Amino acid sequence: MEMAGAFAIPRCLHVVADLGVADALGESPRTAADLAASVHVDADALGRVLRLLAAHGVFGSRGEAFAHTPASLLLRTDHPQSLRAFARMFGSQPFWDTQGP
C-alpha cells in the first residue's frame, strides 16, 4: 500500500524545501502551527505534510511538535552537504512533466 502514495513523498519534500521549513525549525522542536506562521502557510496543511514526512523519518515528531532528524538537517541551507536544492529540483514541475506519459 505504501507504493500507492509514493508520489506524495517527493512532492512533500519539495514543499518543505521550497518553503524553508527546515531552516525555520531551528534547533528546538516546534509545532506545525508555529512553523506555519514562520513560513506563511496554512497550519493544518503543513501539519499533514510534516506528519507524512515524520512517518518516513525525514522529521521527528514529539507529541504535537516536530524536530530535526539527520535527514531533515540535510534540507537546511546552512548544512555543509545540503540537499535542499536537490529536493526542490525533484519536486519541480518541469521534472514531474518528464515523468508522465
C-alpha atoms as a PDB file:
ATOM      1  CA  MET A   1       0.000   0.000   0.000  1.00  0.00           C
ATOM      2  CA  GLU A   2       2.920   2.352   0.580  1.00  0.00           C
ATOM      3  CA  MET A   3       3.682   2.332  -3.138  1.00  0.00           C
ATOM      4  CA  ALA A   4       0.182   3.645  -3.897  1.00  0.00           C
ATOM      5  CA  GLY A   5       1.065   7.011  -2.394  1.00  0.00           C
ATOM      6  CA  ALA A   6       4.773   7.011  -3.149  1.00  0.00           C
ATOM      7  CA  PHE A   7       4.491  10.075  -5.378  1.00  0.00           C
ATOM      8  CA  ALA A   8       3.417  12.174  -2.379  1.00  0.00           C
ATOM      9  CA  ILE A   9       6.716  11.895  -0.514  1.00  0.00           C
ATOM     10  CA  PRO A  10       8.932  13.698  -3.058  1.00  0.00           C
ATOM     11  CA  ARG A  11       6.250  16.341  -3.530  1.00  0.00           C
ATOM     12  CA  CYS A  12       6.107  16.908   0.228  1.00  0.00           C
ATOM     13  CA  LEU A  13       9.910  17.090   0.361  1.00  0.00           C
ATOM     14  CA  HIS A  14       9.749  19.677  -2.404  1.00  0.00           C
ATOM     15  CA  VAL A  15       7.192  21.742  -0.491  1.00  0.00           C
ATOM     16  CA  VAL A  16       9.133  21.831   2.783  1.00  0.00           C
ATOM     17  CA  ALA A  17      12.392  22.508   0.918  1.00  0.00           C
ATOM     18  CA  ASP A  18      10.798  25.278  -1.131  1.00  0.00           C
ATOM     19  CA  LEU A  19       9.277  26.889   1.957  1.00  0.00           C
ATOM     20  CA  GLY A  20      12.467  26.622   4.018  1.00  0.00           C
ATOM     21  CA  VAL A  21      10.750  24.679   6.802  1.00  0.00           C
ATOM     22  CA  ALA A  22      13.994  23.011   7.938  1.00  0.00           C
ATOM     23  CA  ASP A  23      15.622  26.421   8.326  1.00  0.00           C
ATOM     24  CA  ALA A  24      12.598  27.745  10.224  1.00  0.00           C
ATOM     25  CA  LEU A  25      12.621  24.726  12.539  1.00  0.00           C
ATOM     26  CA  GLY A  26      15.973  25.636  14.040  1.00  0.00           C
ATOM     27  CA  GLU A  27      17.344  23.703  16.988  1.00  0.00           C
ATOM     28  CA  SER A  28      14.241  23.269  19.165  1.00  0.00           C
ATOM     29  CA  PRO A  29      11.068  21.304  18.402  1.00  0.00           C
ATOM     30  CA  ARG A  30       8.183  23.453  17.129  1.00  0.00           C
ATOM     31  CA  THR A  31       4.528  22.816  16.408  1.00  0.00           C
ATOM     32  CA  ALA A  32       3.131  22.826  12.898  1.00  0.00           C
ATOM     33  CA  ALA A  33       1.145  25.956  13.756  1.00  0.00           C
ATOM     34  CA  ASP A  34       4.281  27.774  14.888  1.00  0.00           C
ATOM     35  CA  LEU A  35       6.227  26.687  11.808  1.00  0.00           C
ATOM     36  CA  ALA A  36       3.326  27.573   9.520  1.00  0.00           C
ATOM     37  CA  ALA A  37       3.270  31.100  10.919  1.00  0.00           C
ATOM     38  CA  SER A  38       7.017  31.382  10.256  1.00  0.00           C
ATOM     39  CA  VAL A  39       6.752  30.297   6.614  1.00  0.00           C
ATOM     40  CA  HIS A  40       3.320  31.888   5.982  1.00  0.00           C
ATOM     41  CA  VAL A  41       1.269  28.803   5.099  1.00  0.00           C
ATOM     42  CA  ASP A  42      -1.815  27.001   6.405  1.00  0.00           C
ATOM     43  CA  ALA A  43      -1.028  25.246   9.690  1.00  0.00           C
ATOM     44  CA  ASP A  44      -3.323  22.267   9.093  1.00  0.00           C
ATOM     45  CA  ALA A  45      -1.859  21.575   5.652  1.00  0.00           C
ATOM     46  CA  LEU A  46       1.722  21.912   6.881  1.00  0.00           C
ATOM     47  CA  GLY A  47       0.923  19.602   9.793  1.00  0.00           C
ATOM     48  CA  ARG A  48      -0.268  16.899   7.401  1.00  0.00           C
ATOM     49  CA  VAL A  49       2.870  17.243   5.281  1.00  0.00           C
ATOM     50  CA  LEU A  50       5.128  17.097   8.338  1.00  0.00           C
ATOM     51  CA  ARG A  51       3.314  14.056   9.750  1.00  0.00           C
ATOM     52  CA  LEU A  52       3.771  12.219   6.447  1.00  0.00           C
ATOM     53  CA  LEU A  53       7.451  13.078   6.339  1.00  0.00           C
ATOM     54  CA  ALA A  54       7.862  12.173  10.011  1.00  0.00           C
ATOM     55  CA  ALA A  55       6.311   8.763   9.297  1.00  0.00           C
ATOM     56  CA  HIS A  56       9.153   8.260   6.816  1.00  0.00           C
ATOM     57  CA  GLY A  57      11.882   9.507   9.162  1.00  0.00           C
ATOM     58  CA  VAL A  58      12.505  12.845   7.483  1.00  0.00           C
ATOM     59  CA  PHE A  59      11.385  14.817  10.552  1.00  0.00           C
ATOM     60  CA  GLY A  60      10.904  13.608  14.093  1.00  0.00           C
ATOM     61  CA  SER A  61       7.665  14.112  15.965  1.00  0.00           C
ATOM     62  CA  ARG A  62       7.418  14.731  19.691  1.00  0.00           C
ATOM     63  CA  GLY A  63       3.771  14.970  20.605  1.00  0.00           C
ATOM     64  CA  GLU A  64       2.453  17.989  18.723  1.00  0.00           C
ATOM     65  CA  ALA A  65       5.944  19.268  17.907  1.00  0.00           C
ATOM     66  CA  PHE A  66       8.375  18.402  15.133  1.00  0.00           C
ATOM     67  CA  ALA A  67      12.130  18.127  15.451  1.00  0.00           C
ATOM     68  CA  HIS A  68      15.089  17.588  13.196  1.00  0.00           C
ATOM     69  CA  THR A  69      16.464  14.196  12.231  1.00  0.00           C
ATOM     70  CA  PRO A  70      19.706  13.620  10.320  1.00  0.00           C
ATOM     71  CA  ALA A  71      17.600  13.587   7.128  1.00  0.00           C
ATOM     72  CA  SER A  72      15.829  16.899   7.772  1.00  0.00           C
ATOM     73  CA  LEU A  73      19.100  18.604   8.628  1.00  0.00           C
ATOM     74  CA  LEU A  74      20.112  17.983   5.014  1.00  0.00           C
ATOM     75  CA  LEU A  75      17.229  20.249   3.961  1.00  0.00           C
ATOM     76  CA  ARG A  76      18.773  23.226   5.779  1.00  0.00           C
ATOM     77  CA  THR A  77      20.518  25.825   3.649  1.00  0.00           C
ATOM     78  CA  ASP A  78      23.401  26.097   6.117  1.00  0.00           C
ATOM     79  CA  HIS A  79      24.218  22.367   6.163  1.00  0.00           C
ATOM     80  CA  PRO A  80      27.596  21.656   4.516  1.00  0.00           C
ATOM     81  CA  GLN A  81      26.050  18.809   2.465  1.00  0.00           C
ATOM     82  CA  SER A  82      22.665  20.473   1.975  1.00  0.00           C
ATOM     83  CA  LEU A  83      20.301  18.625  -0.352  1.00  0.00           C
ATOM     84  CA  ARG A  84      17.678  21.381  -0.335  1.00  0.00           C
ATOM     85  CA  ALA A  85      18.251  22.294  -3.981  1.00  0.00           C
ATOM     86  CA  PHE A  86      18.145  18.603  -4.911  1.00  0.00           C
ATOM     87  CA  ALA A  87      14.760  18.148  -3.187  1.00  0.00           C
ATOM     88  CA  ARG A  88      13.455  21.297  -4.837  1.00  0.00           C
ATOM     89  CA  MET A  89      14.573  20.083  -8.268  1.00  0.00           C
ATOM     90  CA  PHE A  90      12.965  16.648  -7.950  1.00  0.00           C
ATOM     91  CA  GLY A  91       9.679  18.187  -6.867  1.00  0.00           C
ATOM     92  CA  SER A  92       9.620  20.884  -9.520  1.00  0.00           C
ATOM     93  CA  GLN A  93       7.004  20.864 -12.256  1.00  0.00           C
ATOM     94  CA  PRO A  94       9.491  20.550 -15.144  1.00  0.00           C
ATOM     95  CA  PHE A  95      10.964  17.413 -13.559  1.00  0.00           C
ATOM     96  CA  TRP A  96       7.496  15.916 -12.934  1.00  0.00           C
ATOM     97  CA  ASP A  97       6.499  16.682 -16.517  1.00  0.00           C
ATOM     98  CA  THR A  98       9.352  14.449 -17.741  1.00  0.00           C
ATOM     99  CA  GLN A  99       7.972  11.532 -15.705  1.00  0.00           C
ATOM    100  CA  GLY A 100       4.479  11.493 -17.172  1.00  0.00           C
ATOM    101  CA  PRO A 101       3.013   9.774 -20.213  1.00  0.00           C
END
